[in-house]
């Protein structure tokens, strides 16, 4: 089976900074690594529909499985390096049969408000 090409360049960031007195974290991020990705249109998922109803963009994103991508969590964010847009990671799937079979990690990401 041929691997599906991953045409987009993305970066993954983690929060950088200490917790403040109220338990919040500052809006500072540090890049952890860069990778290739494919943005997939996800139309039926409830979380994706809820994001769209709230006026936010939501996509399913495919990246190759590696120790770095398998360590991603909802505490990380993804940046599209074409325009440096930051996307919140809301779901990480590296355990489903499809993910294991294709040696990929699937992410659901939510982006900025749509206009």
C-alpha atoms as a PDB file:
ATOM      1  CA  UNK A   1       0.000   0.000   0.000  1.00  0.00           C
ATOM      2  CA  UNK A   2       1.363   3.437  -0.981  1.00  0.00           C
ATOM      3  CA  UNK A   3       1.534   6.065   1.711  1.00  0.00           C
ATOM      4  CA  UNK A   4      -0.795   9.004   1.193  1.00  0.00           C
ATOM      5  CA  UNK A   5       1.144  12.224   0.578  1.00  0.00           C
ATOM      6  CA  UNK A   6       1.078  14.791   3.356  1.00  0.00           C
ATOM      7  CA  UNK A   7       1.377  18.115   1.508  1.00  0.00           C
ATOM      8  CA  UNK A   8       1.155  20.675   4.324  1.00  0.00           C
ATOM      9  CA  UNK A   9       3.832  21.775   6.781  1.00  0.00           C
ATOM     10  CA  UNK A  10       2.755  22.190  10.409  1.00  0.00           C
ATOM     11  CA  UNK A  11       4.424  22.829  13.756  1.00  0.00           C
ATOM     12  CA  UNK A  12       3.370  21.588  17.175  1.00  0.00           C
ATOM     13  CA  UNK A  13       3.730  23.787  20.243  1.00  0.00           C
ATOM     14  CA  UNK A  14       3.444  23.281  23.986  1.00  0.00           C
ATOM     15  CA  UNK A  15       2.553  25.857  26.624  1.00  0.00           C
ATOM     16  CA  UNK A  16       5.551  27.664  28.015  1.00  0.00           C
ATOM     17  CA  UNK A  17       5.319  29.290  31.404  1.00  0.00           C
ATOM     18  CA  UNK A  18       4.388  28.743  34.990  1.00  0.00           C
ATOM     19  CA  UNK A  19       0.878  28.533  36.366  1.00  0.00           C
ATOM     20  CA  UNK A  20      -0.324  31.852  37.784  1.00  0.00           C
ATOM     21  CA  UNK A  21      -1.877  32.361  41.230  1.00  0.00           C
ATOM     22  CA  UNK A  22      -5.342  31.577  39.861  1.00  0.00           C
ATOM     23  CA  UNK A  23      -4.326  28.294  38.194  1.00  0.00           C
ATOM     24  CA  UNK A  24      -4.219  29.725  34.681  1.00  0.00           C
ATOM     25  CA  UNK A  25      -1.340  29.464  32.275  1.00  0.00           C
ATOM     26  CA  UNK A  26       0.110  32.379  30.320  1.00  0.00           C
ATOM     27  CA  UNK A  27      -0.394  32.575  26.559  1.00  0.00           C
ATOM     28  CA  UNK A  28       3.226  31.726  25.733  1.00  0.00           C
ATOM     29  CA  UNK A  29       4.056  28.753  23.519  1.00  0.00           C
ATOM     30  CA  UNK A  30       7.270  26.978  22.502  1.00  0.00           C
ATOM     31  CA  UNK A  31       7.660  24.973  19.304  1.00  0.00           C
ATOM     32  CA  UNK A  32       8.319  21.290  19.995  1.00  0.00           C
ATOM     33  CA  UNK A  33       8.665  19.908  16.456  1.00  0.00           C
ATOM     34  CA  UNK A  34       7.612  20.301  12.810  1.00  0.00           C
ATOM     35  CA  UNK A  35       5.984  17.695  10.602  1.00  0.00           C
ATOM     36  CA  UNK A  36       3.983  17.110   7.426  1.00  0.00           C
ATOM     37  CA  UNK A  37       0.185  16.856   7.515  1.00  0.00           C
ATOM     38  CA  UNK A  38      -2.972  16.464   5.459  1.00  0.00           C
ATOM     39  CA  UNK A  39      -6.057  18.514   6.296  1.00  0.00           C
ATOM     40  CA  UNK A  40      -9.191  16.401   5.847  1.00  0.00           C
ATOM     41  CA  UNK A  41     -12.704  17.766   5.690  1.00  0.00           C
ATOM     42  CA  UNK A  42     -14.701  16.284   8.556  1.00  0.00           C
ATOM     43  CA  UNK A  43     -18.409  16.795   8.050  1.00  0.00           C
ATOM     44  CA  UNK A  44     -20.356  14.509  10.361  1.00  0.00           C
ATOM     45  CA  UNK A  45     -18.609  14.497  13.735  1.00  0.00           C
ATOM     46  CA  UNK A  46     -20.636  16.152  16.525  1.00  0.00           C
ATOM     47  CA  UNK A  47     -17.644  18.121  17.833  1.00  0.00           C
ATOM     48  CA  UNK A  48     -16.899  19.442  14.343  1.00  0.00           C
ATOM     49  CA  UNK A  49     -20.540  20.426  13.819  1.00  0.00           C
ATOM     50  CA  UNK A  50     -20.644  22.153  17.223  1.00  0.00           C
ATOM     51  CA  UNK A  51     -17.523  24.162  16.353  1.00  0.00           C
ATOM     52  CA  UNK A  52     -18.997  25.203  13.018  1.00  0.00           C
ATOM     53  CA  UNK A  53     -22.272  26.187  14.691  1.00  0.00           C
ATOM     54  CA  UNK A  54     -20.243  28.389  17.063  1.00  0.00           C
ATOM     55  CA  UNK A  55     -18.522  30.043  14.085  1.00  0.00           C
ATOM     56  CA  UNK A  56     -15.145  28.291  14.378  1.00  0.00           C
ATOM     57  CA  UNK A  57     -13.303  26.228  11.784  1.00  0.00           C
ATOM     58  CA  UNK A  58     -12.706  22.555  12.596  1.00  0.00           C
ATOM     59  CA  UNK A  59     -10.748  19.972  10.634  1.00  0.00           C
ATOM     60  CA  UNK A  60      -9.485  16.442  10.956  1.00  0.00           C
ATOM     61  CA  UNK A  61      -5.716  16.363  10.368  1.00  0.00           C
ATOM     62  CA  UNK A  62      -3.593  13.334   9.469  1.00  0.00           C
ATOM     63  CA  UNK A  63       0.082  13.085  10.468  1.00  0.00           C
ATOM     64  CA  UNK A  64       2.440  10.101  10.334  1.00  0.00           C
ATOM     65  CA  UNK A  65       2.792   8.107  13.540  1.00  0.00           C
ATOM     66  CA  UNK A  66       6.044   8.751  15.405  1.00  0.00           C
ATOM     67  CA  UNK A  67       7.066   9.003  19.032  1.00  0.00           C
ATOM     68  CA  UNK A  68       6.512  12.768  18.807  1.00  0.00           C
ATOM     69  CA  UNK A  69       3.050  12.681  17.202  1.00  0.00           C
ATOM     70  CA  UNK A  70       1.887   9.868  19.491  1.00  0.00           C
ATOM     71  CA  UNK A  71       2.824  12.031  22.497  1.00  0.00           C
ATOM     72  CA  UNK A  72       0.539  14.889  21.371  1.00  0.00           C
ATOM     73  CA  UNK A  73      -2.401  15.770  23.608  1.00  0.00           C
ATOM     74  CA  UNK A  74      -5.116  18.381  23.864  1.00  0.00           C
ATOM     75  CA  UNK A  75      -2.617  20.480  25.829  1.00  0.00           C
ATOM     76  CA  UNK A  76      -0.636  21.064  22.635  1.00  0.00           C
ATOM     77  CA  UNK A  77      -1.550  23.234  19.674  1.00  0.00           C
ATOM     78  CA  UNK A  78      -0.811  22.938  15.964  1.00  0.00           C
ATOM     79  CA  UNK A  79       0.263  25.787  13.677  1.00  0.00           C
ATOM     80  CA  UNK A  80      -0.238  25.791   9.915  1.00  0.00           C
ATOM     81  CA  UNK A  81       3.111  27.068   8.624  1.00  0.00           C
ATOM     82  CA  UNK A  82       1.559  28.480   5.437  1.00  0.00           C
ATOM     83  CA  UNK A  83       0.094  31.400   7.392  1.00  0.00           C
ATOM     84  CA  UNK A  84       1.131  30.650  11.007  1.00  0.00           C
ATOM     85  CA  UNK A  85      -2.509  30.089  12.064  1.00  0.00           C
ATOM     86  CA  UNK A  86      -2.749  28.397  15.468  1.00  0.00           C
ATOM     87  CA  UNK A  87      -5.205  25.510  15.908  1.00  0.00           C
ATOM     88  CA  UNK A  88      -6.301  24.045  19.242  1.00  0.00           C
ATOM     89  CA  UNK A  89      -6.057  20.244  19.332  1.00  0.00           C
ATOM     90  CA  UNK A  90      -9.371  18.916  20.649  1.00  0.00           C
ATOM     91  CA  UNK A  91      -8.919  15.181  19.936  1.00  0.00           C
ATOM     92  CA  UNK A  92      -5.968  12.830  19.323  1.00  0.00           C
ATOM     93  CA  UNK A  93      -6.483   9.356  17.821  1.00  0.00           C
ATOM     94  CA  UNK A  94      -3.501   7.048  17.638  1.00  0.00           C
ATOM     95  CA  UNK A  95      -5.220   3.919  18.921  1.00  0.00           C
ATOM     96  CA  UNK A  96      -8.091   3.238  16.543  1.00  0.00           C
ATOM     97  CA  UNK A  97      -7.754   0.402  14.063  1.00  0.00           C
ATOM     98  CA  UNK A  98      -7.664   2.830  11.130  1.00  0.00           C
ATOM     99  CA  UNK A  99      -4.910   4.852  12.782  1.00  0.00           C
ATOM    100  CA  UNK A 100      -2.792   1.767  13.544  1.00  0.00           C
ATOM    101  CA  UNK A 101      -3.381   0.235  10.103  1.00  0.00           C
ATOM    102  CA  UNK A 102      -2.316   3.431   8.307  1.00  0.00           C
ATOM    103  CA  UNK A 103       0.550   4.225  10.727  1.00  0.00           C
ATOM    104  CA  UNK A 104      -0.931   7.664  11.275  1.00  0.00           C
ATOM    105  CA  UNK A 105      -2.243   9.854  14.048  1.00  0.00           C
ATOM    106  CA  UNK A 106      -5.501  11.689  13.450  1.00  0.00           C
ATOM    107  CA  UNK A 107      -6.151  15.011  15.161  1.00  0.00           C
ATOM    108  CA  UNK A 108      -9.284  17.101  15.387  1.00  0.00           C
ATOM    109  CA  UNK A 109      -8.328  20.767  15.496  1.00  0.00           C
ATOM    110  CA  UNK A 110     -10.358  23.938  15.970  1.00  0.00           C
ATOM    111  CA  UNK A 111      -9.209  27.232  14.613  1.00  0.00           C
ATOM    112  CA  UNK A 112      -9.987  30.885  14.723  1.00  0.00           C
ATOM    113  CA  UNK A 113     -13.428  32.409  14.374  1.00  0.00           C
ATOM    114  CA  UNK A 114     -14.779  32.315  10.837  1.00  0.00           C
ATOM    115  CA  UNK A 115     -15.914  35.598   9.364  1.00  0.00           C
END
